[in-house]
Amino acid sequence: MRISSVSRATNSKNSSENSASRKRAADKRPEMLLCTGSYFGYGWIMRGRIFRYLVLSALVFFVASFSECSSSSQSETTPSYQCYYDYVNTKVALPQFDARLFWSPDSSDFRLDAYVSVKESRLRYDRDSNLFVASYTCSIRLTGKEESATSKEIDRKVVLQNYPKPDQNSYDAFLVSFPIKSGNHEVQIGIVDNESKARSSRTYSVEVPEMSNKPLVLSDIMLLARMDPAGTRSDSAGQGRKITPFILSNVGLLPDTLKFFTILSQKNGADDSLSIYVYRLRSREINLPTFNVQMFAYQSTPYNPCGEDMDTMLVYQHAASSAFKAGTSYIFGSVPKPASGNYLLKVVVSDNGGDSATSTMKFQVHDKNFPQIADDFPTMINSLNYIAASSDIKNIVAGRTDSSIKANLVTFWKEHGGLNKMVQYYQRVSQANQLFTSCIEGWRTPMGIYFIVCGAPDDVECEGAWDEKWSYYQSSTQASMTIVFRLAQETANIEDRFYRIDQVYSNADLWDYYINQWRTSY
């Protein structure tokens, strides 16, 4: 493993609009590591420089491991009249970044840590002798209802020996911290490529509870890419262990056991109970239409999988007893990694006096190759529902092993369209993931379904952010089809939007035409 070029942001330009200046008391947190890295096959290739910083009497290291990034944690500041389809097709030219926010109790109040990673291949490089150099500026603005805004600006430089390939998954990473008070806050993170001037931004919401009148408070939950075995599991004696935060959005990249970390602040020591729950967010699952059911049925219910998660299913539960001491305790836990889907991780600590504290975190599990679907047989089969009959699907899944299912899948395509069509179809599925993924995979969204079956629309119109019309034309028959998509709910970031089908105007034969294009070899 090779480590270079990684740091806590020390070259930041701090501008506090209320001119507040506070020193943090000594911090006895676990040793953290932050680095940039790439995930190739089964191993990590790291690039970074270990950095050190001293917070009064405590020496703390931060390292973040990075792996293949699922698409879409960046957002361009976009005028309301820009069509969503136009945006998702141009965002590939914008800087791409991931960020993870983690608030936790500090000596007298709270601290917010912002972990940021920028994909190196999405920057523009100049050649300098035998090296390739890019630079960018990250601006982070923290605002709250009860306090003035605070901003930090960080200048970063990336130096590579070789020009990065578009699909190269290596990241420049850094950490920025803010003092933060209880209440509701908004964090805006923006990345500007200094060479191309392209800009991405994203807004996050942070809710920090009031601590003064609560006997127990739990911090955010941080998933871990790595955790050493040093120290004890659940109390402050574990403060010396090294942990590697996992910042990326696809939890499917982690091993079969998900490790996590949270901080408990307790006024009085007690015999406490610790409960860990994992819930599947079934409201984010969607029923897939089949080719022999007209797509009009898809519009029958105003469905919004990105709304409130009312329908949940418990998939894991663990309870334990522990005597946490008064003050700050560090809780390390683990849960089995669930199958692909959307989940909620919940940690509850209760004392023997009846008081409790709860912390939750939503996460997504995709295949490790996401947004590509190579060897992701469940997605390859489920996405085939759009053009295959139920009897076709039954024949494919009749195989008992992955190899037999793959053979059945190849047989289906040989009999319907040919292997070239198979390659083209699954390329469309991957493209739909890249373009339309939000709270659910892009191939499951209404826009993704039409994109996969019918291709890019011939014409796109939008009326603000709320309505978008896609039109398809078949010149030889004068047939046309127009789909009106409606935004399910307003979102702070354009890439978080979910559009449901509002109306469809179509010659029914046109939908059959697109289905037959996939199922026949001509």
Protein backbone atom coordinates (compact mmCIF):
# COMPACT_ATOMS: atom_id res chain seq x y z
CA MET A 1 0.00 0.00 0.00
CA ARG A 2 1.38 3.37 -1.00
CA ILE A 3 0.33 6.51 0.89
CA SER A 4 0.88 10.07 -0.36
CA SER A 5 -0.88 13.47 -0.85
CA VAL A 6 -3.61 13.40 1.74
CA SER A 7 -4.26 16.05 4.31
CA ARG A 8 -6.53 17.74 6.69
CA ALA A 9 -7.33 21.10 5.15
CA THR A 10 -4.80 23.47 6.69
CA ASN A 11 -4.62 25.94 3.83
CA SER A 12 -8.19 27.08 4.30
CA LYS A 13 -9.22 30.71 4.23
CA ASN A 14 -11.55 31.05 7.20
CA SER A 15 -14.20 33.75 7.19
CA SER A 16 -16.62 33.73 10.12
CA GLU A 17 -19.36 36.24 9.52
CA ASN A 18 -19.85 36.73 13.25
CA SER A 19 -16.07 36.91 13.84
CA ALA A 20 -16.38 34.19 16.42
CA SER A 21 -13.16 32.56 17.53
CA ARG A 22 -13.17 29.54 19.80
CA LYS A 23 -10.54 27.04 20.83
CA ARG A 24 -11.44 23.42 21.18
CA ALA A 25 -10.57 21.59 24.36
CA ALA A 26 -8.37 18.52 24.27
CA ASP A 27 -9.94 15.78 22.20
CA LYS A 28 -9.44 12.13 23.11
CA ARG A 29 -11.16 10.66 20.08
CA PRO A 30 -10.11 7.47 18.34
CA GLU A 31 -7.23 7.83 15.94
CA MET A 32 -8.66 8.38 12.47
CA LEU A 33 -6.95 8.14 9.11
CA LEU A 34 -7.78 10.10 5.96
CA CYS A 35 -6.30 9.34 2.57
CA THR A 36 -7.11 9.31 -1.09
CA GLY A 37 -7.29 6.02 -2.85
CA SER A 38 -8.50 3.82 -5.63
CA TYR A 39 -10.39 0.56 -5.54
CA PHE A 40 -9.31 -1.93 -8.18
CA GLY A 41 -10.56 -5.52 -8.05
CA TYR A 42 -10.03 -6.80 -4.54
CA GLY A 43 -7.38 -4.39 -3.33
CA TRP A 44 -6.84 -0.80 -2.37
CA ILE A 45 -4.25 1.39 -4.05
CA MET A 46 -3.76 4.44 -1.88
CA ARG A 47 -2.29 7.75 -2.83
CA GLY A 48 -1.83 10.29 -0.09
CA ARG A 49 0.40 11.96 2.45
CA ILE A 50 -0.40 11.17 6.10
CA PHE A 51 -1.08 14.41 7.85
CA ARG A 52 -0.97 15.38 11.48
CA TYR A 53 -2.64 18.05 13.48
CA LEU A 54 -2.59 18.86 17.17
CA VAL A 55 -5.74 19.86 19.03
CA LEU A 56 -4.27 21.23 22.27
CA SER A 57 -2.93 18.12 24.03
CA ALA A 58 -4.31 15.41 21.76
CA LEU A 59 -2.76 14.13 18.56
CA VAL A 60 -5.43 12.91 16.17
CA PHE A 61 -4.97 11.31 12.79
CA PHE A 62 -7.65 11.18 10.16
CA VAL A 63 -7.61 8.78 7.21
CA ALA A 64 -10.48 8.05 4.82
CA SER A 65 -10.39 5.05 2.48
CA PHE A 66 -12.07 5.40 -0.85
CA SER A 67 -13.39 2.91 -3.31
CA GLU A 68 -15.41 2.91 -6.43
CA CYS A 69 -17.84 5.76 -6.32
CA SER A 70 -21.46 5.42 -7.22
CA SER A 71 -22.67 8.25 -9.26
CA SER A 72 -24.12 11.47 -8.26
CA SER A 73 -23.24 13.31 -5.14
CA GLN A 74 -22.57 16.54 -6.98
CA SER A 75 -24.98 19.20 -8.10
CA GLU A 76 -24.62 22.25 -10.31
CA THR A 77 -26.28 25.45 -9.24
CA THR A 78 -28.92 25.29 -11.94
CA PRO A 79 -31.56 27.77 -13.07
CA SER A 80 -35.09 26.55 -12.50
CA TYR A 81 -35.81 26.52 -16.23
CA GLN A 82 -33.11 23.99 -17.05
CA CYS A 83 -34.67 20.66 -17.84
CA TYR A 84 -33.65 17.80 -15.59
CA TYR A 85 -32.80 15.63 -18.60
CA ASP A 86 -30.46 18.34 -19.93
CA TYR A 87 -28.75 18.62 -16.56
CA VAL A 88 -28.09 14.91 -16.07
CA ASN A 89 -26.58 14.71 -19.56
CA THR A 90 -24.17 17.58 -18.92
CA LYS A 91 -23.11 16.83 -15.32
CA VAL A 92 -20.35 14.53 -16.58
CA ALA A 93 -18.41 17.71 -17.43
CA LEU A 94 -18.68 18.98 -13.84
CA PRO A 95 -16.43 18.18 -10.89
CA GLN A 96 -17.67 15.14 -8.98
CA PHE A 97 -17.40 14.92 -5.22
CA ASP A 98 -18.67 12.95 -2.26
CA ALA A 99 -19.12 14.36 1.22
CA ARG A 100 -19.98 12.91 4.60
CA LEU A 101 -20.99 15.10 7.53
CA PHE A 102 -20.48 13.89 11.09
CA TRP A 103 -21.54 15.91 14.14
CA SER A 104 -20.49 14.84 17.63
CA PRO A 105 -20.35 16.22 21.18
CA ASP A 106 -17.30 18.40 21.87
CA SER A 107 -15.93 19.70 25.17
CA SER A 108 -18.70 22.26 25.70
CA ASP A 109 -20.89 22.04 22.60
CA PHE A 110 -20.73 20.16 19.29
CA ARG A 111 -18.34 19.75 16.39
CA LEU A 112 -19.18 19.16 12.73
CA ASP A 113 -16.65 17.27 10.62
CA ALA A 114 -17.03 17.56 6.84
CA TYR A 115 -15.21 14.83 4.91
CA VAL A 116 -14.89 15.72 1.22
CA SER A 117 -13.44 13.67 -1.65
CA VAL A 118 -13.10 14.90 -5.23
CA LYS A 119 -12.78 12.48 -8.13
CA GLU A 120 -9.48 13.24 -9.80
CA SER A 121 -10.53 12.21 -13.31
CA ARG A 122 -13.25 14.88 -13.34
CA LEU A 123 -10.74 17.75 -13.05
CA ARG A 124 -8.94 19.49 -15.91
CA TYR A 125 -5.16 19.08 -15.99
CA ASP A 126 -2.23 21.07 -17.37
CA ARG A 127 1.04 19.39 -18.19
CA ASP A 128 4.00 20.58 -16.13
CA SER A 129 7.17 18.88 -17.31
CA ASN A 130 6.47 15.15 -16.79
CA LEU A 131 3.57 15.73 -14.42
CA PHE A 132 -0.11 16.58 -14.78
CA VAL A 133 -1.42 19.28 -12.45
CA ALA A 134 -4.99 20.29 -11.58
CA SER A 135 -6.29 22.60 -8.89
CA TYR A 136 -9.66 23.38 -7.43
CA THR A 137 -11.27 25.41 -4.67
CA CYS A 138 -13.75 23.99 -2.18
CA SER A 139 -16.06 26.38 -0.33
CA ILE A 140 -18.08 25.21 2.67
CA ARG A 141 -20.73 27.41 4.25
CA LEU A 142 -22.49 26.53 7.50
CA THR A 143 -25.69 28.39 8.39
CA GLY A 144 -28.09 28.01 11.29
CA LYS A 145 -31.24 29.75 12.44
CA GLU A 146 -29.78 30.83 15.78
CA GLU A 147 -26.29 31.86 14.65
CA SER A 148 -24.46 33.71 11.92
CA ALA A 149 -23.04 31.88 8.93
CA THR A 150 -19.50 30.58 8.89
CA SER A 151 -17.55 29.90 5.70
CA LYS A 152 -14.29 28.16 4.90
CA GLU A 153 -12.51 28.07 1.56
CA ILE A 154 -9.87 25.45 0.77
CA ASP A 155 -7.47 25.50 -2.19
CA ARG A 156 -6.30 22.08 -3.35
CA LYS A 157 -3.76 20.89 -5.93
CA VAL A 158 -3.63 17.45 -7.51
CA VAL A 159 -0.36 16.28 -9.09
CA LEU A 160 -0.33 13.02 -11.07
CA GLN A 161 2.34 11.19 -13.03
CA ASN A 162 -0.18 10.03 -15.64
CA TYR A 163 -3.27 11.70 -17.04
CA PRO A 164 -6.27 10.02 -15.33
CA LYS A 165 -8.58 7.87 -17.42
CA PRO A 166 -12.30 8.78 -17.31
CA ASP A 167 -13.19 5.58 -15.44
CA GLN A 168 -10.27 5.84 -13.01
CA ASN A 169 -11.53 5.85 -9.44
CA SER A 170 -9.04 7.80 -7.38
CA TYR A 171 -9.89 10.75 -5.15
CA ASP A 172 -8.34 13.77 -3.51
CA ALA A 173 -9.66 13.99 0.03
CA PHE A 174 -9.59 16.31 3.01
CA LEU A 175 -11.37 17.09 6.25
CA VAL A 176 -12.74 20.40 7.52
CA SER A 177 -14.24 20.94 11.00
CA PHE A 178 -16.59 23.56 12.43
CA PRO A 179 -17.84 24.31 15.93
CA ILE A 180 -21.62 23.94 15.78
CA LYS A 181 -24.52 24.58 18.14
CA SER A 182 -27.71 22.61 18.62
CA GLY A 183 -30.50 23.25 16.15
CA ASN A 184 -31.18 22.88 12.42
CA HIS A 185 -28.35 23.78 10.07
CA GLU A 186 -27.65 23.90 6.36
CA VAL A 187 -24.26 23.06 4.87
CA GLN A 188 -23.47 24.13 1.31
CA ILE A 189 -20.40 22.57 -0.31
CA GLY A 190 -19.14 23.83 -3.66
CA ILE A 191 -16.25 22.68 -5.85
CA VAL A 192 -14.79 24.92 -8.59
CA ASP A 193 -12.25 23.56 -11.07
CA ASN A 194 -9.77 26.44 -11.40
CA GLU A 195 -8.83 25.53 -14.96
CA SER A 196 -12.23 24.85 -16.55
CA LYS A 197 -14.24 27.04 -14.12
CA ALA A 198 -16.81 24.24 -13.98
CA ARG A 199 -18.67 24.22 -10.67
CA SER A 200 -20.61 21.64 -8.68
CA SER A 201 -22.43 22.24 -5.42
CA ARG A 202 -24.64 20.41 -3.00
CA THR A 203 -26.70 21.35 0.06
CA TYR A 204 -26.97 19.16 3.16
CA SER A 205 -29.22 19.42 6.20
CA VAL A 206 -27.83 18.81 9.69
CA GLU A 207 -29.96 18.54 12.84
CA VAL A 208 -28.09 18.69 16.15
CA PRO A 209 -30.14 18.00 19.31
CA GLU A 210 -30.16 20.13 22.43
CA MET A 211 -27.70 18.57 24.87
CA SER A 212 -27.99 20.74 28.00
CA ASN A 213 -31.25 19.21 29.26
CA LYS A 214 -30.65 15.62 28.13
CA PRO A 215 -28.86 13.01 30.21
CA LEU A 216 -27.80 11.08 27.07
CA VAL A 217 -26.90 12.27 23.56
CA LEU A 218 -25.68 10.16 20.63
CA SER A 219 -23.68 11.64 17.74
CA ASP A 220 -24.11 10.86 14.08
CA ILE A 221 -23.21 7.37 12.90
CA MET A 222 -20.06 6.90 10.83
CA LEU A 223 -19.60 3.78 8.74
CA LEU A 224 -16.04 2.48 8.78
CA ALA A 225 -13.94 1.09 5.97
CA ARG A 226 -11.49 -0.30 8.50
CA MET A 227 -11.16 -0.63 12.27
CA ASP A 228 -8.19 -2.10 14.13
CA PRO A 229 -8.73 -4.49 17.05
CA ALA A 230 -7.09 -2.24 19.64
CA GLY A 231 -8.97 -1.02 22.73
CA THR A 232 -12.30 -2.13 24.09
CA ARG A 233 -15.53 -2.19 22.15
CA SER A 234 -17.82 0.33 23.73
CA ASP A 235 -16.21 2.72 26.20
CA SER A 236 -13.67 5.51 26.31
CA ALA A 237 -10.86 3.01 26.76
CA GLY A 238 -11.19 2.48 23.01
CA GLN A 239 -10.02 6.01 22.29
CA GLY A 240 -6.63 4.81 21.03
CA ARG A 241 -7.86 2.60 18.21
CA LYS A 242 -7.46 3.60 14.60
CA ILE A 243 -10.53 3.85 12.39
CA THR A 244 -10.95 4.55 8.69
CA PRO A 245 -14.25 6.33 7.88
CA PHE A 246 -16.19 5.22 4.81
CA ILE A 247 -17.47 8.28 2.98
CA LEU A 248 -18.83 7.05 -0.33
CA SER A 249 -22.48 6.47 -1.06
CA ASN A 250 -22.45 2.83 -2.19
CA VAL A 251 -22.20 0.72 0.96
CA GLY A 252 -22.06 -2.34 -1.28
CA LEU A 253 -18.32 -1.67 -1.64
CA LEU A 254 -17.76 -2.60 2.00
CA PRO A 255 -17.10 -6.16 3.23
CA ASP A 256 -19.88 -8.48 4.36
CA THR A 257 -19.80 -6.99 7.88
CA LEU A 258 -20.59 -3.28 8.20
CA LYS A 259 -18.66 -1.64 11.02
CA PHE A 260 -19.71 1.68 12.48
CA PHE A 261 -18.79 4.24 15.10
CA THR A 262 -20.81 6.68 17.21
CA ILE A 263 -20.13 8.82 20.29
CA LEU A 264 -22.23 8.81 23.47
CA SER A 265 -22.28 11.81 25.82
CA GLN A 266 -23.74 10.88 29.22
CA LYS A 267 -24.04 13.03 32.33
CA ASN A 268 -24.04 10.14 34.79
CA GLY A 269 -22.54 6.69 34.52
CA ALA A 270 -25.10 3.90 34.45
CA ASP A 271 -25.79 0.32 33.49
CA ASP A 272 -27.04 0.93 29.97
CA SER A 273 -28.57 -1.17 27.24
CA LEU A 274 -27.39 -0.85 23.65
CA SER A 275 -29.74 -1.81 20.80
CA ILE A 276 -28.89 -1.90 17.11
CA TYR A 277 -31.52 -2.16 14.38
CA VAL A 278 -31.40 -2.32 10.58
CA TYR A 279 -34.62 -1.60 8.67
CA ARG A 280 -35.28 -2.08 4.98
CA LEU A 281 -37.03 0.96 3.51
CA ARG A 282 -39.65 -0.87 1.49
CA SER A 283 -41.32 2.39 0.47
CA ARG A 284 -38.29 2.93 -1.78
CA GLU A 285 -38.90 -0.28 -3.67
CA ILE A 286 -40.92 -0.10 -6.82
CA ASN A 287 -43.05 -2.64 -8.68
CA LEU A 288 -41.65 -3.24 -12.15
CA PRO A 289 -43.99 -3.21 -15.16
CA THR A 290 -43.71 -5.97 -17.74
CA PHE A 291 -43.63 -5.55 -21.51
CA ASN A 292 -47.15 -6.82 -22.06
CA VAL A 293 -48.66 -4.24 -19.70
CA GLN A 294 -48.85 -0.82 -21.27
CA MET A 295 -46.74 1.78 -19.52
CA PHE A 296 -49.89 3.76 -18.82
CA ALA A 297 -50.43 1.50 -15.81
CA TYR A 298 -47.26 2.90 -14.35
CA GLN A 299 -48.90 6.29 -13.89
CA SER A 300 -51.93 5.03 -11.98
CA THR A 301 -50.63 5.88 -8.49
CA PRO A 302 -48.79 9.12 -7.59
CA TYR A 303 -45.83 7.15 -6.26
CA ASN A 304 -42.90 8.86 -4.54
CA PRO A 305 -40.25 6.46 -3.23
CA CYS A 306 -38.11 9.42 -2.13
CA GLY A 307 -40.74 10.70 0.30
CA GLU A 308 -41.31 9.69 3.90
CA ASP A 309 -40.17 6.17 4.71
CA MET A 310 -43.39 4.93 6.26
CA ASP A 311 -43.10 1.30 5.16
CA THR A 312 -40.13 -0.36 6.87
CA MET A 313 -39.18 -3.94 7.61
CA LEU A 314 -36.82 -4.98 10.41
CA VAL A 315 -34.03 -7.13 8.97
CA TYR A 316 -31.53 -7.16 11.86
CA GLN A 317 -31.61 -6.59 15.62
CA HIS A 318 -28.98 -6.89 18.33
CA ALA A 319 -29.11 -5.98 22.03
CA ALA A 320 -26.32 -5.82 24.61
CA SER A 321 -25.66 -4.45 28.10
CA SER A 322 -22.78 -2.16 28.96
CA ALA A 323 -21.72 0.11 31.82
CA PHE A 324 -20.92 3.40 30.09
CA LYS A 325 -19.07 5.95 32.19
CA ALA A 326 -20.10 9.55 32.73
CA GLY A 327 -18.71 11.81 30.00
CA THR A 328 -17.84 10.67 26.50
CA SER A 329 -17.88 7.03 25.39
CA TYR A 330 -16.98 5.65 21.99
CA ILE A 331 -19.29 2.95 20.68
CA PHE A 332 -18.09 0.57 17.99
CA GLY A 333 -20.56 -1.84 16.46
CA SER A 334 -21.14 -4.04 13.44
CA VAL A 335 -24.05 -5.47 11.46
CA PRO A 336 -24.24 -7.94 8.55
CA LYS A 337 -24.27 -6.20 5.18
CA PRO A 338 -27.77 -6.63 3.73
CA ALA A 339 -28.71 -7.32 0.12
CA SER A 340 -29.05 -4.51 -2.41
CA GLY A 341 -31.61 -1.93 -1.36
CA ASN A 342 -32.25 1.10 0.86
CA TYR A 343 -31.84 0.79 4.62
CA LEU A 344 -31.96 2.63 7.93
CA LEU A 345 -29.41 1.90 10.66
CA LYS A 346 -30.61 2.84 14.16
CA VAL A 347 -28.62 2.81 17.41
CA VAL A 348 -30.42 3.26 20.76
CA VAL A 349 -28.79 3.62 24.18
CA SER A 350 -31.08 3.42 27.24
CA ASP A 351 -30.10 3.82 30.89
CA ASN A 352 -31.69 2.18 33.93
CA GLY A 353 -33.49 5.44 34.74
CA GLY A 354 -35.65 5.27 31.62
CA ASP A 355 -33.77 7.87 29.56
CA SER A 356 -32.57 7.05 26.06
CA ALA A 357 -30.75 8.48 23.06
CA THR A 358 -31.17 7.50 19.41
CA SER A 359 -29.10 8.02 16.27
CA THR A 360 -30.06 6.96 12.73
CA MET A 361 -28.43 6.82 9.33
CA LYS A 362 -29.86 5.93 5.92
CA PHE A 363 -27.68 4.04 3.48
CA GLN A 364 -27.85 2.37 0.09
CA VAL A 365 -26.39 -0.98 -0.92
CA HIS A 366 -25.64 -1.48 -4.62
CA ASP A 367 -23.57 -4.02 -6.47
CA LYS A 368 -19.86 -3.18 -6.22
CA ASN A 369 -19.76 -2.35 -9.96
CA PHE A 370 -22.65 0.12 -9.78
CA PRO A 371 -23.64 2.04 -11.91
CA GLN A 372 -22.36 -0.67 -14.25
CA ILE A 373 -24.24 -3.96 -13.93
CA ALA A 374 -21.58 -6.48 -15.02
CA ASP A 375 -22.29 -9.79 -13.26
CA ASP A 376 -25.15 -8.21 -11.28
CA PHE A 377 -27.61 -10.95 -12.24
CA PRO A 378 -30.57 -9.70 -10.16
CA THR A 379 -30.47 -6.35 -11.96
CA MET A 380 -29.86 -7.93 -15.35
CA ILE A 381 -32.94 -10.11 -14.88
CA ASN A 382 -35.22 -7.57 -13.19
CA SER A 383 -34.51 -4.88 -15.78
CA LEU A 384 -35.46 -7.41 -18.45
CA ASN A 385 -39.05 -7.22 -17.19
CA TYR A 386 -39.53 -4.17 -19.42
CA ILE A 387 -39.26 -6.23 -22.62
CA ALA A 388 -39.68 -9.87 -21.50
CA ALA A 389 -42.82 -11.81 -20.72
CA SER A 390 -43.27 -13.40 -17.30
CA SER A 391 -42.75 -16.82 -18.88
CA ASP A 392 -39.39 -15.63 -20.25
CA ILE A 393 -38.29 -14.51 -16.79
CA LYS A 394 -39.43 -17.81 -15.25
CA ASN A 395 -37.30 -19.75 -17.73
CA ILE A 396 -34.24 -17.61 -17.01
CA VAL A 397 -34.37 -17.92 -13.22
CA ALA A 398 -35.04 -21.66 -13.39
CA GLY A 399 -31.27 -22.16 -13.20
CA ARG A 400 -29.93 -23.11 -9.77
CA THR A 401 -26.51 -21.49 -10.11
CA ASP A 402 -25.16 -18.19 -11.42
CA SER A 403 -23.59 -19.97 -14.37
CA SER A 404 -26.87 -21.67 -15.36
CA ILE A 405 -28.82 -18.42 -14.95
CA LYS A 406 -26.27 -16.65 -17.12
CA ALA A 407 -26.58 -19.40 -19.74
CA ASN A 408 -30.38 -19.03 -19.69
CA LEU A 409 -30.03 -15.26 -20.04
CA VAL A 410 -27.76 -15.65 -23.06
CA THR A 411 -30.21 -18.14 -24.57
CA PHE A 412 -33.06 -15.63 -24.19
CA TRP A 413 -31.10 -12.99 -26.07
CA LYS A 414 -30.01 -15.39 -28.79
CA GLU A 415 -33.67 -16.17 -29.38
CA HIS A 416 -34.82 -12.55 -29.01
CA GLY A 417 -32.76 -9.87 -30.70
CA GLY A 418 -29.27 -11.40 -30.59
CA LEU A 419 -26.21 -10.87 -28.42
CA ASN A 420 -25.49 -7.42 -29.84
CA LYS A 421 -28.90 -6.32 -28.65
CA MET A 422 -28.09 -7.78 -25.23
CA VAL A 423 -24.94 -5.64 -24.99
CA GLN A 424 -26.85 -2.54 -26.11
CA TYR A 425 -29.69 -3.17 -23.67
CA TYR A 426 -27.47 -3.48 -20.62
CA GLN A 427 -25.49 -0.45 -21.71
CA ARG A 428 -28.80 1.43 -21.57
CA VAL A 429 -29.44 0.07 -18.07
CA SER A 430 -26.02 1.31 -16.91
CA GLN A 431 -26.61 4.70 -18.56
CA ALA A 432 -29.96 4.98 -16.80
CA ASN A 433 -28.16 4.38 -13.49
CA GLN A 434 -25.64 7.10 -14.29
CA LEU A 435 -28.29 9.60 -15.31
CA PHE A 436 -31.34 9.08 -13.10
CA THR A 437 -30.23 7.50 -9.81
CA SER A 438 -31.51 9.36 -6.75
CA CYS A 439 -33.01 7.55 -3.77
CA ILE A 440 -33.47 4.49 -6.01
CA GLU A 441 -31.42 3.12 -8.89
CA GLY A 442 -31.86 4.96 -12.16
CA TRP A 443 -33.03 1.88 -14.06
CA ARG A 444 -36.04 1.62 -11.72
CA THR A 445 -37.24 5.21 -12.20
CA PRO A 446 -39.97 6.12 -14.71
CA MET A 447 -37.50 8.18 -16.74
CA GLY A 448 -35.03 5.32 -16.60
CA ILE A 449 -37.60 2.84 -17.93
CA TYR A 450 -38.46 4.97 -20.95
CA PHE A 451 -34.79 5.70 -21.56
CA ILE A 452 -33.91 1.98 -21.53
CA VAL A 453 -36.75 0.85 -23.78
CA CYS A 454 -37.11 3.84 -26.11
CA GLY A 455 -33.71 5.52 -25.92
CA ALA A 456 -33.03 9.24 -25.63
CA PRO A 457 -36.16 11.32 -26.25
CA ASP A 458 -36.44 13.12 -29.58
CA ASP A 459 -37.67 16.25 -27.88
CA VAL A 460 -37.63 17.54 -24.29
CA GLU A 461 -39.66 20.43 -22.86
CA CYS A 462 -39.95 21.62 -19.29
CA GLU A 463 -42.04 24.15 -17.41
CA GLY A 464 -39.84 25.11 -14.50
CA ALA A 465 -38.71 22.20 -12.34
CA TRP A 466 -42.11 20.60 -11.86
CA ASP A 467 -43.15 19.34 -15.31
CA GLU A 468 -41.04 17.78 -18.03
CA LYS A 469 -42.25 16.35 -21.33
CA TRP A 470 -40.44 13.73 -23.36
CA SER A 471 -41.56 13.07 -26.94
CA TYR A 472 -40.74 10.20 -29.28
CA TYR A 473 -41.55 10.11 -33.01
CA GLN A 474 -41.66 7.33 -35.57
CA SER A 475 -41.48 9.06 -38.95
CA SER A 476 -42.49 6.12 -41.14
CA THR A 477 -45.82 5.64 -39.37
CA GLN A 478 -46.35 9.21 -38.11
CA ALA A 479 -46.80 7.73 -34.65
CA SER A 480 -45.77 9.74 -31.60
CA MET A 481 -45.62 9.31 -27.87
CA THR A 482 -45.37 12.06 -25.25
CA ILE A 483 -44.78 11.38 -21.57
CA VAL A 484 -45.43 14.11 -19.02
CA PHE A 485 -43.29 13.65 -15.92
CA ARG A 486 -44.09 15.52 -12.71
CA LEU A 487 -41.65 16.22 -9.90
CA ALA A 488 -42.77 14.27 -6.83
CA GLN A 489 -41.47 16.84 -4.34
CA GLU A 490 -39.15 19.82 -4.21
CA THR A 491 -35.51 18.99 -3.43
CA ALA A 492 -32.52 21.10 -2.43
CA ASN A 493 -30.32 19.36 -5.01
CA ILE A 494 -31.28 18.75 -8.60
CA GLU A 495 -29.78 15.24 -8.72
CA ASP A 496 -32.06 14.18 -5.85
CA ARG A 497 -35.19 14.70 -7.92
CA PHE A 498 -37.65 11.90 -8.58
CA TYR A 499 -40.13 12.35 -11.42
CA ARG A 500 -43.25 10.22 -11.59
CA ILE A 501 -45.43 9.80 -14.68
CA ASP A 502 -48.33 12.22 -14.80
CA GLN A 503 -49.79 11.57 -18.27
CA VAL A 504 -48.96 9.62 -21.41
CA TYR A 505 -50.22 10.53 -24.88
CA SER A 506 -49.41 7.78 -27.34
CA ASN A 507 -50.29 5.67 -30.29
CA ALA A 508 -50.24 2.28 -28.54
CA ASP A 509 -48.47 0.72 -31.53
CA LEU A 510 -45.42 2.91 -30.88
CA TRP A 511 -44.72 1.26 -27.53
CA ASP A 512 -45.02 -2.14 -29.23
CA TYR A 513 -42.63 -0.89 -31.88
CA TYR A 514 -39.89 -0.20 -29.32
CA ILE A 515 -40.49 -3.55 -27.59
CA ASN A 516 -40.19 -5.39 -30.91
CA GLN A 517 -36.97 -3.58 -31.68
CA TRP A 518 -35.41 -5.36 -28.71
CA ARG A 519 -37.07 -8.75 -29.22
CA THR A 520 -36.25 -9.18 -32.90
CA SER A 521 -32.89 -9.27 -34.68
CA TYR A 522 -33.71 -6.85 -37.49
